[in-house]
Amino acid sequence: MSLFRFTQLISEGRPVTVYGDGQQSRDFTYVDDIACGTVAALRPVRYEVINLGSDSPTVLMDAIQLLEGLTGRKASVAFAPAHLSDVAATWADIHKADKLLGWRPHWSLQDGLAHLVRWYRANRHWARDIVTA
């Protein structure tokens, strides 16, 4: 969800608020991959907790730099204090999803962001007004 917000803010020339120093890592996963994993989990696998994710954490500022390149616009980043409950890194262990569901993500971060930016541009006439804060 943050990547849509960042795409919107960068595209519209509005500031992007980054909490902390931006060096925290996140496991960004393209929505189509999550949807496919959810559908795969409809098969009977008993009562299992299964993580879906990219299994490839990315530094937040690196993701913003990718968006800058894809949008052709420089982000106006406003740093704010980190939230006390925030963690330095998160990512999914997807071994169980692979073993039980035969699921692995197909979209790379670069390809997913490129698709997001293309989608945003095609739908900008209404997507720019979505309240994301």
Protein backbone atom coordinates (compact mmCIF):
# COMPACT_ATOMS: atom_id res chain seq x y z
CA MET A 1 0.00 0.00 0.00
CA SER A 2 2.84 2.38 0.67
CA LEU A 3 4.13 1.98 -2.88
CA PHE A 4 0.81 3.16 -4.34
CA ARG A 5 0.91 6.13 -1.96
CA PHE A 6 4.50 6.93 -2.95
CA THR A 7 3.65 6.62 -6.66
CA GLN A 8 0.71 8.98 -6.21
CA LEU A 9 2.64 11.52 -4.16
CA ILE A 10 5.70 11.54 -6.43
CA SER A 11 3.53 11.76 -9.56
CA GLU A 12 1.56 14.67 -8.13
CA GLY A 13 4.64 16.52 -6.83
CA ARG A 14 3.58 16.16 -3.22
CA PRO A 15 5.97 15.33 -0.35
CA VAL A 16 6.59 11.71 0.60
CA THR A 17 6.80 11.26 4.37
CA VAL A 18 9.37 8.68 5.41
CA TYR A 19 9.30 7.68 9.05
CA GLY A 20 12.81 7.08 10.34
CA ASP A 21 15.89 7.24 8.15
CA GLY A 22 14.44 5.27 5.22
CA GLN A 23 16.94 2.44 5.67
CA GLN A 24 14.31 0.02 6.97
CA SER A 25 13.69 -2.99 4.72
CA ARG A 26 10.31 -4.26 3.62
CA ASP A 27 9.15 -7.29 1.67
CA PHE A 28 7.21 -5.59 -1.12
CA THR A 29 5.03 -8.02 -3.07
CA TYR A 30 3.00 -7.33 -6.20
CA VAL A 31 -0.74 -7.68 -5.64
CA ASP A 32 -1.20 -10.25 -8.45
CA ASP A 33 1.25 -12.55 -6.69
CA ILE A 34 -0.67 -12.24 -3.42
CA ALA A 35 -3.96 -12.91 -5.24
CA CYS A 36 -2.50 -16.04 -6.86
CA GLY A 37 -1.21 -17.24 -3.50
CA THR A 38 -4.61 -16.68 -1.91
CA VAL A 39 -6.33 -18.66 -4.66
CA ALA A 40 -3.75 -21.44 -4.32
CA ALA A 41 -4.54 -21.59 -0.59
CA LEU A 42 -8.17 -22.44 -1.34
CA ARG A 43 -7.15 -26.08 -1.77
CA PRO A 44 -7.43 -28.15 1.39
CA VAL A 45 -4.15 -27.78 3.32
CA ARG A 46 -5.63 -28.35 6.76
CA TYR A 47 -5.08 -25.59 9.29
CA GLU A 48 -1.80 -24.02 8.33
CA VAL A 49 -0.44 -20.50 8.61
CA ILE A 50 1.19 -19.72 5.29
CA ASN A 51 3.20 -16.58 4.58
CA LEU A 52 2.99 -14.93 1.17
CA GLY A 53 5.57 -12.36 0.17
CA SER A 54 8.48 -11.72 -2.11
CA ASP A 55 11.07 -13.18 0.30
CA SER A 56 13.33 -10.37 -0.88
CA PRO A 57 13.40 -7.33 1.43
CA THR A 58 14.18 -3.94 -0.14
CA VAL A 59 15.43 -0.81 1.60
CA LEU A 60 12.64 1.79 1.58
CA MET A 61 14.77 4.56 0.05
CA ASP A 62 15.83 2.17 -2.74
CA ALA A 63 12.17 1.56 -3.58
CA ILE A 64 11.57 5.32 -3.66
CA GLN A 65 14.57 5.73 -5.98
CA LEU A 66 13.11 3.08 -8.31
CA LEU A 67 9.84 5.02 -8.37
CA GLU A 68 11.70 8.23 -9.15
CA GLY A 69 13.25 6.56 -12.18
CA LEU A 70 9.97 5.06 -13.35
CA THR A 71 7.95 8.26 -12.90
CA GLY A 72 10.70 10.54 -14.17
CA ARG A 73 10.18 12.76 -11.13
CA LYS A 74 12.31 13.44 -8.08
CA ALA A 75 10.60 12.65 -4.78
CA SER A 76 10.33 15.42 -2.23
CA VAL A 77 11.08 13.35 0.86
CA ALA A 78 10.11 14.68 4.29
CA PHE A 79 11.67 12.63 7.07
CA ALA A 80 9.74 12.21 10.31
CA PRO A 81 10.65 10.40 13.53
CA ALA A 82 10.39 6.62 13.39
CA HIS A 83 7.38 5.11 15.10
CA LEU A 84 8.36 3.39 18.36
CA SER A 85 6.78 0.11 17.24
CA ASP A 86 8.46 0.06 13.82
CA VAL A 87 11.06 -2.60 13.06
CA ALA A 88 14.20 -2.39 10.93
CA ALA A 89 13.26 -5.21 8.55
CA THR A 90 10.33 -7.45 7.69
CA TRP A 91 9.96 -10.18 5.12
CA ALA A 92 8.03 -13.36 4.58
CA ASP A 93 9.45 -16.86 4.87
CA ILE A 94 7.69 -18.43 1.89
CA HIS A 95 9.09 -21.97 2.16
CA LYS A 96 5.76 -23.35 3.39
CA ALA A 97 3.87 -21.63 0.55
CA ASP A 98 6.23 -23.24 -1.94
CA LYS A 99 6.00 -26.68 -0.30
CA LEU A 100 2.24 -26.81 0.36
CA LEU A 101 0.88 -24.66 -2.45
CA GLY A 102 3.58 -24.73 -5.09
CA TRP A 103 3.48 -20.93 -4.86
CA ARG A 104 6.31 -18.50 -5.44
CA PRO A 105 6.02 -14.86 -6.50
CA HIS A 106 6.52 -14.13 -10.20
CA TRP A 107 6.80 -10.34 -10.21
CA SER A 108 10.11 -8.65 -9.41
CA LEU A 109 9.97 -5.36 -7.54
CA GLN A 110 11.15 -3.49 -10.65
CA ASP A 111 8.50 -5.09 -12.89
CA GLY A 112 5.74 -4.64 -10.31
CA LEU A 113 6.59 -0.97 -9.82
CA ALA A 114 6.75 -0.41 -13.58
CA HIS A 115 3.28 -1.93 -13.91
CA LEU A 116 2.00 0.18 -11.00
CA VAL A 117 3.34 3.39 -12.56
CA ARG A 118 1.79 2.51 -15.96
CA TRP A 119 -1.53 1.77 -14.24
CA TYR A 120 -1.37 5.02 -12.27
CA ARG A 121 -0.72 7.05 -15.41
CA ALA A 122 -3.63 5.39 -17.21
CA ASN A 123 -5.96 6.07 -14.26
CA ARG A 124 -4.49 9.32 -13.00
CA HIS A 125 -7.67 11.30 -13.74
CA TRP A 126 -9.32 9.65 -10.72
CA ALA A 127 -6.45 7.88 -8.88
CA ARG A 128 -4.76 11.17 -7.98
CA ASP A 129 -7.74 12.02 -5.74
CA ILE A 130 -7.61 8.81 -3.66
CA VAL A 131 -6.97 9.75 -0.04
CA THR A 132 -4.01 7.65 1.13
CA ALA A 133 -2.98 9.29 4.38
